[in-house]
C-alpha atoms as a PDB file:
ATOM      1  CA  MET A   1      15.979 -14.920  19.946  1.00  0.00           C
ATOM      2  CA  SER A   2      19.002 -12.391  19.424  1.00  0.00           C
ATOM      3  CA  LYS A   3      18.914  -9.181  21.308  1.00  0.00           C
ATOM      4  CA  THR A   4      18.223  -7.180  18.042  1.00  0.00           C
ATOM      5  CA  SER A   5      15.060  -9.349  17.155  1.00  0.00           C
ATOM      6  CA  TYR A   6      14.079  -8.668  20.726  1.00  0.00           C
ATOM      7  CA  LEU A   7      14.329  -4.936  20.377  1.00  0.00           C
ATOM      8  CA  PHE A   8      12.445  -4.910  16.991  1.00  0.00           C
ATOM      9  CA  GLU A   9       9.688  -7.186  18.357  1.00  0.00           C
ATOM     10  CA  GLN A  10       9.451  -5.211  21.344  1.00  0.00           C
ATOM     11  CA  LEU A  11       9.072  -1.889  19.496  1.00  0.00           C
ATOM     12  CA  LYS A  12       6.328  -3.508  16.791  1.00  0.00           C
ATOM     13  CA  GLN A  13       4.371  -4.054  19.963  1.00  0.00           C
ATOM     14  CA  TYR A  14       3.997  -0.469  21.025  1.00  0.00           C
ATOM     15  CA  ILE A  15       3.485   1.043  17.486  1.00  0.00           C
ATOM     16  CA  PRO A  16      -0.003   1.262  16.511  1.00  0.00           C
ATOM     17  CA  SER A  17      -1.122  -1.212  13.813  1.00  0.00           C
ATOM     18  CA  ASN A  18      -1.387  -0.219  10.136  1.00  0.00           C
ATOM     19  CA  ASP A  19      -5.112  -0.496  10.198  1.00  0.00           C
ATOM     20  CA  THR A  20      -5.174   1.780  13.189  1.00  0.00           C
ATOM     21  CA  LEU A  21      -3.022   4.492  11.649  1.00  0.00           C
ATOM     22  CA  CYS A  22      -5.044   4.133   8.351  1.00  0.00           C
ATOM     23  CA  ALA A  23      -8.349   4.345  10.129  1.00  0.00           C
ATOM     24  CA  LEU A  24      -7.081   7.377  12.070  1.00  0.00           C
ATOM     25  CA  ALA A  25      -6.092   9.100   8.953  1.00  0.00           C
ATOM     26  CA  ALA A  26      -9.224   8.525   7.108  1.00  0.00           C
ATOM     27  CA  GLU A  27     -11.171   9.989  10.008  1.00  0.00           C
ATOM     28  CA  LYS A  28      -8.918  13.134   9.952  1.00  0.00           C
ATOM     29  CA  VAL A  29      -8.882  13.692   6.097  1.00  0.00           C
ATOM     30  CA  ILE A  30     -12.293  12.471   4.628  1.00  0.00           C
ATOM     31  CA  SER A  31     -14.547  12.096   7.506  1.00  0.00           C
ATOM     32  CA  ASP A  32     -16.589  15.272   6.591  1.00  0.00           C
ATOM     33  CA  VAL A  33     -15.721  15.091   2.615  1.00  0.00           C
ATOM     34  CA  SER A  34     -18.903  14.258   0.509  1.00  0.00           C
ATOM     35  CA  GLU A  35     -18.903  11.241  -2.077  1.00  0.00           C
ATOM     36  CA  GLU A  36     -18.842  14.212  -4.877  1.00  0.00           C
ATOM     37  CA  GLY A  37     -15.810  15.986  -3.184  1.00  0.00           C
ATOM     38  CA  ILE A  38     -13.958  12.529  -2.996  1.00  0.00           C
ATOM     39  CA  LYS A  39     -14.713  11.668  -6.563  1.00  0.00           C
ATOM     40  CA  ALA A  40     -13.454  15.278  -7.695  1.00  0.00           C
ATOM     41  CA  ASN A  41     -10.078  14.785  -5.958  1.00  0.00           C
ATOM     42  CA  PHE A  42      -9.559  11.024  -5.536  1.00  0.00           C
ATOM     43  CA  SER A  43      -5.954  10.975  -6.221  1.00  0.00           C
ATOM     44  CA  GLY A  44      -5.320  14.207  -3.721  1.00  0.00           C
ATOM     45  CA  PHE A  45      -7.113  12.473  -1.101  1.00  0.00           C
ATOM     46  CA  ILE A  46      -4.799   9.338  -1.595  1.00  0.00           C
ATOM     47  CA  ASP A  47      -1.811  11.493  -1.245  1.00  0.00           C
ATOM     48  CA  LYS A  48      -3.209  13.159   1.876  1.00  0.00           C
ATOM     49  CA  MET A  49      -3.957  10.156   3.713  1.00  0.00           C
ATOM     50  CA  ASN A  50      -0.737   8.400   2.759  1.00  0.00           C
ATOM     51  CA  ASP A  51       1.252  11.417   4.021  1.00  0.00           C
ATOM     52  CA  GLU A  52      -0.740  11.370   7.064  1.00  0.00           C
ATOM     53  CA  VAL A  53      -0.347   7.586   7.797  1.00  0.00           C
ATOM     54  CA  TYR A  54       3.386   7.983   7.213  1.00  0.00           C
ATOM     55  CA  ALA A  55       3.888  11.159   9.397  1.00  0.00           C
ATOM     56  CA  GLN A  56       1.908   9.491  12.328  1.00  0.00           C
ATOM     57  CA  TYR A  57       3.956   6.246  12.026  1.00  0.00           C
ATOM     58  CA  LEU A  58       7.301   8.078  12.170  1.00  0.00           C
ATOM     59  CA  ILE A  59       5.988  10.019  15.100  1.00  0.00           C
ATOM     60  CA  ASN A  60       5.028   6.556  16.883  1.00  0.00           C
ATOM     61  CA  GLU A  61       8.429   4.933  15.923  1.00  0.00           C
ATOM     62  CA  GLU A  62      10.647   7.734  17.221  1.00  0.00           C
ATOM     63  CA  ARG A  63       8.578   7.942  20.537  1.00  0.00           C
ATOM     64  CA  GLU A  64       8.519   4.410  21.170  1.00  0.00           C
ATOM     65  CA  GLY A  65      11.838   3.697  19.792  1.00  0.00           C
ATOM     66  CA  ASP A  66      13.522   5.933  22.116  1.00  0.00           C
ATOM     67  CA  LYS A  67      11.908   4.074  24.971  1.00  0.00           C
ATOM     68  CA  VAL A  68      12.871   0.933  23.715  1.00  0.00           C
ATOM     69  CA  LEU A  69      16.583   1.532  23.070  1.00  0.00           C
ATOM     70  CA  ALA A  70      16.966   3.656  26.531  1.00  0.00           C
ATOM     71  CA  GLU A  71      15.684   0.384  28.322  1.00  0.00           C
ATOM     72  CA  ASN A  72      17.680  -1.985  26.401  1.00  0.00           C
ATOM     73  CA  ILE A  73      21.129  -0.361  25.322  1.00  0.00           C
ATOM     74  CA  PRO A  74      22.965  -0.596  28.684  1.00  0.00           C
ATOM     75  CA  THR A  75      22.527  -4.398  28.260  1.00  0.00           C
ATOM     76  CA  ILE A  76      23.776  -4.637  24.575  1.00  0.00           C
ATOM     77  CA  LYS A  77      27.318  -6.097  24.130  1.00  0.00           C
ATOM     78  CA  ARG A  78      28.075  -5.974  20.379  1.00  0.00           C
ATOM     79  CA  LEU A  79      26.482  -2.424  20.176  1.00  0.00           C
ATOM     80  CA  PHE A  80      27.221  -1.764  16.403  1.00  0.00           C
ATOM     81  CA  PHE A  81      26.165  -4.975  15.040  1.00  0.00           C
ATOM     82  CA  GLU A  82      22.951  -5.100  17.022  1.00  0.00           C
ATOM     83  CA  MET A  83      21.928  -1.493  16.224  1.00  0.00           C
ATOM     84  CA  ASN A  84      22.737  -1.750  12.567  1.00  0.00           C
ATOM     85  CA  ALA A  85      20.701  -4.937  12.208  1.00  0.00           C
ATOM     86  CA  PHE A  86      17.767  -3.082  14.318  1.00  0.00           C
ATOM     87  CA  PHE A  87      17.471   0.126  12.017  1.00  0.00           C
ATOM     88  CA  MET A  88      17.769  -2.130   8.886  1.00  0.00           C
ATOM     89  CA  SER A  89      14.849  -4.190  10.184  1.00  0.00           C
ATOM     90  CA  LEU A  90      13.010  -0.697  10.923  1.00  0.00           C
ATOM     91  CA  SER A  91      13.613   0.353   7.364  1.00  0.00           C
ATOM     92  CA  GLN A  92      12.215  -2.921   6.002  1.00  0.00           C
ATOM     93  CA  SER A  93       9.116  -2.519   8.320  1.00  0.00           C
ATOM     94  CA  ARG A  94       8.522   1.036   6.877  1.00  0.00           C
ATOM     95  CA  LYS A  95       8.507  -0.125   3.271  1.00  0.00           C
ATOM     96  CA  SER A  96       6.223  -2.997   3.971  1.00  0.00           C
ATOM     97  CA  ARG A  97       3.697  -1.018   6.076  1.00  0.00           C
ATOM     98  CA  ALA A  98       3.783   1.778   3.475  1.00  0.00           C
ATOM     99  CA  GLY A  99       2.616  -0.909   0.659  1.00  0.00           C
ATOM    100  CA  ALA A 100      -0.041  -2.174   2.947  1.00  0.00           C
ATOM    101  CA  ALA A 101      -1.302   1.261   3.681  1.00  0.00           C
ATOM    102  CA  PHE A 102      -1.509   2.321   0.158  1.00  0.00           C
ATOM    103  CA  GLU A 103      -3.879  -0.867  -0.356  1.00  0.00           C
ATOM    104  CA  PHE A 104      -5.797   0.195   2.758  1.00  0.00           C
ATOM    105  CA  ILE A 105      -6.324   3.838   1.692  1.00  0.00           C
ATOM    106  CA  ILE A 106      -7.909   2.572  -1.722  1.00  0.00           C
ATOM    107  CA  ARG A 107     -10.039   0.272   0.008  1.00  0.00           C
ATOM    108  CA  THR A 108     -11.302   3.028   2.440  1.00  0.00           C
ATOM    109  CA  LEU A 109     -12.172   5.420  -0.363  1.00  0.00           C
ATOM    110  CA  PHE A 110     -13.964   2.564  -2.546  1.00  0.00           C
ATOM    111  CA  LYS A 111     -15.919   2.108   0.613  1.00  0.00           C
ATOM    112  CA  LYS A 112     -16.647   5.874   1.239  1.00  0.00           C
ATOM    113  CA  LEU A 113     -17.978   6.047  -2.177  1.00  0.00           C
ATOM    114  CA  HIS A 114     -20.014   2.694  -1.855  1.00  0.00           C
ATOM    115  CA  TYR A 115     -18.220   1.146  -4.576  1.00  0.00           C
ATOM    116  CA  PRO A 116     -19.101  -2.582  -4.595  1.00  0.00           C
ATOM    117  CA  PHE A 117     -15.997  -5.005  -4.886  1.00  0.00           C
ATOM    118  CA  SER A 118     -14.565  -8.348  -3.819  1.00  0.00           C
ATOM    119  CA  GLU A 119     -11.019  -8.779  -2.443  1.00  0.00           C
ATOM    120  CA  GLN A 120      -8.198 -11.305  -3.240  1.00  0.00           C
ATOM    121  CA  VAL A 121      -9.897 -13.043  -6.014  1.00  0.00           C
ATOM    122  CA  VAL A 122      -7.837 -15.598  -7.612  1.00  0.00           C
ATOM    123  CA  ILE A 123      -7.636 -15.100 -11.601  1.00  0.00           C
ATOM    124  CA  ASP A 124      -5.845 -17.523 -13.600  1.00  0.00           C
ATOM    125  CA  GLY A 125      -3.326 -17.697 -11.103  1.00  0.00           C
ATOM    126  CA  ALA A 126      -3.094 -13.941 -10.235  1.00  0.00           C
ATOM    127  CA  GLN A 127      -4.496 -12.418  -7.324  1.00  0.00           C
ATOM    128  CA  PRO A 128      -5.365  -8.768  -7.644  1.00  0.00           C
ATOM    129  CA  ASP A 129      -6.596  -6.595  -4.745  1.00  0.00           C
ATOM    130  CA  PHE A 130     -10.120  -5.888  -5.967  1.00  0.00           C
ATOM    131  CA  VAL A 131     -12.522  -6.851  -8.384  1.00  0.00           C
ATOM    132  CA  LEU A 132     -15.595  -4.530  -9.066  1.00  0.00           C
ATOM    133  CA  PRO A 133     -18.333  -5.232  -8.770  1.00  0.00           C
ATOM    134  CA  SER A 134     -17.933  -8.754  -7.386  1.00  0.00           C
ATOM    135  CA  GLU A 135     -16.343 -12.111  -7.891  1.00  0.00           C
ATOM    136  CA  GLU A 136     -19.710 -13.624  -8.591  1.00  0.00           C
ATOM    137  CA  TYR A 137     -20.263 -10.951 -11.574  1.00  0.00           C
ATOM    138  CA  PHE A 138     -16.703 -11.658 -12.743  1.00  0.00           C
ATOM    139  CA  ARG A 139     -17.328 -15.197 -12.988  1.00  0.00           C
ATOM    140  CA  SER A 140     -20.230 -14.748 -15.294  1.00  0.00           C
ATOM    141  CA  ARG A 141     -19.326 -11.611 -17.300  1.00  0.00           C
ATOM    142  CA  PRO A 142     -15.642 -10.867 -16.897  1.00  0.00           C
ATOM    143  CA  LEU A 143     -15.223  -8.292 -19.618  1.00  0.00           C
ATOM    144  CA  ASP A 144     -17.794  -6.252 -17.877  1.00  0.00           C
ATOM    145  CA  CYS A 145     -15.557  -5.921 -14.611  1.00  0.00           C
ATOM    146  CA  ILE A 146     -12.874  -3.860 -13.261  1.00  0.00           C
ATOM    147  CA  ILE A 147      -9.770  -5.621 -12.020  1.00  0.00           C
ATOM    148  CA  PHE A 148      -7.840  -3.394  -9.889  1.00  0.00           C
ATOM    149  CA  THR A 149      -4.604  -3.770  -7.723  1.00  0.00           C
ATOM    150  CA  ALA A 150      -2.491  -1.526  -5.888  1.00  0.00           C
ATOM    151  CA  LYS A 151       1.256  -1.427  -5.641  1.00  0.00           C
ATOM    152  CA  ARG A 152       3.069   1.594  -4.034  1.00  0.00           C
ATOM    153  CA  THR A 153       6.304   0.752  -5.892  1.00  0.00           C
ATOM    154  CA  LEU A 154       6.516  -1.165  -9.016  1.00  0.00           C
ATOM    155  CA  ARG A 155       9.759  -2.610 -10.256  1.00  0.00           C
ATOM    156  CA  GLU A 156       8.750  -5.866 -11.866  1.00  0.00           C
ATOM    157  CA  ARG A 157       6.096  -6.572  -9.367  1.00  0.00           C
ATOM    158  CA  TRP A 158       3.361  -5.705 -11.627  1.00  0.00           C
ATOM    159  CA  ARG A 159       3.764  -8.898 -13.257  1.00  0.00           C
ATOM    160  CA  GLN A 160       2.326 -10.570 -10.125  1.00  0.00           C
ATOM    161  CA  VAL A 161      -1.049  -9.480 -11.081  1.00  0.00           C
ATOM    162  CA  VAL A 162      -1.199 -10.782 -14.590  1.00  0.00           C
ATOM    163  CA  THR A 163      -0.551 -13.709 -16.608  1.00  0.00           C
ATOM    164  CA  GLU A 164      -0.395 -14.567 -20.387  1.00  0.00           C
ATOM    165  CA  ALA A 165      -3.748 -16.604 -19.805  1.00  0.00           C
ATOM    166  CA  ASN A 166      -5.693 -13.531 -19.009  1.00  0.00           C
ATOM    167  CA  LYS A 167      -5.260 -11.194 -21.998  1.00  0.00           C
ATOM    168  CA  GLY A 168      -9.077 -11.353 -22.654  1.00  0.00           C
ATOM    169  CA  TYR A 169      -9.488  -8.462 -20.053  1.00  0.00           C
ATOM    170  CA  GLY A 170      -7.498  -5.642 -18.575  1.00  0.00           C
ATOM    171  CA  PHE A 171      -5.881  -4.924 -15.267  1.00  0.00           C
ATOM    172  CA  PHE A 172      -5.845  -1.452 -13.471  1.00  0.00           C
ATOM    173  CA  LEU A 173      -2.876  -0.971 -11.685  1.00  0.00           C
ATOM    174  CA  ALA A 174      -2.549   1.949  -9.012  1.00  0.00           C
ATOM    175  CA  THR A 175       0.857   3.217  -8.167  1.00  0.00           C
ATOM    176  CA  ILE A 176       2.383   6.441  -6.601  1.00  0.00           C
ATOM    177  CA  ASP A 177       5.759   5.224  -8.053  1.00  0.00           C
ATOM    178  CA  ASP A 178       7.290   8.227  -9.908  1.00  0.00           C
ATOM    179  CA  LYS A 179      10.215   6.088 -11.308  1.00  0.00           C
ATOM    180  CA  VAL A 180       8.140   4.085 -13.917  1.00  0.00           C
ATOM    181  CA  SER A 181      10.215   3.523 -17.167  1.00  0.00           C
ATOM    182  CA  LEU A 182       9.003   3.828 -20.834  1.00  0.00           C
ATOM    183  CA  LYS A 183      10.014   0.233 -21.189  1.00  0.00           C
ATOM    184  CA  GLN A 184       7.738  -0.888 -18.137  1.00  0.00           C
ATOM    185  CA  LEU A 185       4.826   1.152 -19.637  1.00  0.00           C
ATOM    186  CA  GLN A 186       5.222  -0.527 -23.016  1.00  0.00           C
ATOM    187  CA  ASN A 187       5.416  -4.121 -21.332  1.00  0.00           C
ATOM    188  CA  MET A 188       2.406  -3.471 -19.174  1.00  0.00           C
ATOM    189  CA  ALA A 189       0.485  -2.023 -22.233  1.00  0.00           C
ATOM    190  CA  ALA A 190       1.169  -5.402 -24.181  1.00  0.00           C
ATOM    191  CA  HIS A 191      -0.241  -7.203 -21.319  1.00  0.00           C
ATOM    192  CA  LYS A 192      -3.192  -4.962 -21.168  1.00  0.00           C
ATOM    193  CA  VAL A 193      -2.259  -3.422 -17.657  1.00  0.00           C
ATOM    194  CA  TYR A 194      -3.487   0.080 -17.310  1.00  0.00           C
ATOM    195  CA  LEU A 195      -1.625   2.326 -15.103  1.00  0.00           C
ATOM    196  CA  VAL A 196      -3.566   4.549 -12.596  1.00  0.00           C
ATOM    197  CA  VAL A 197      -1.510   7.375 -11.103  1.00  0.00           C
ATOM    198  CA  PRO A 198      -2.209  10.422  -9.213  1.00  0.00           C
ATOM    199  CA  LEU A 199      -2.598  13.766 -11.200  1.00  0.00           C
ATOM    200  CA  ASN A 200       0.705  15.290 -10.184  1.00  0.00           C
ATOM    201  CA  LEU A 201       2.613  12.242 -11.795  1.00  0.00           C
ATOM    202  CA  LYS A 202       0.349  12.043 -14.946  1.00  0.00           C
ATOM    203  CA  PHE A 203       1.233  15.604 -15.897  1.00  0.00           C
ATOM    204  CA  THR A 204       4.904  15.608 -14.739  1.00  0.00           C
ATOM    205  CA  ASN A 205       6.295  12.394 -16.107  1.00  0.00           C
END
């Protein structure tokens, strides 16, 4: 294992897991909020929880990163190369964790509202995050179900949740991406993908 890999792997051991940070954010943001209150400001709570998770991650990343670097930099011979690769790994890790946190936050809010759902159901080769109310119900009455997936950023990854084979029902795709183009919206509409965004994005884009 290279020294950079060692540094990054060591840091990951010290930073709390995504699930832990998300659970702490949920406890801080929505523990005392009623179901009616969450329904009235669903997108607002997604923003608040997302901001809280990211803020706590950065605090832990900086604190634990300082410790790891202070302990290991004296032994690093190719300092620029190792540090450049290390910080690139950090950046990639932030993006990956942010995407997973977005899905976790939506799952947490669904549970708080007692919405029934199944997860990671394979549908015509696609695998959306949630099927409401259940996989069993979908298998018998698919047009009466909600197929819901979450992607923090889109680019062309929305195609992962839909295929030509399933045009008989629609997909609901939640995102907080503020760079969705008109062409993307048109392509999604043609595939019966309905974009779900926070109110602040809906009224400013």
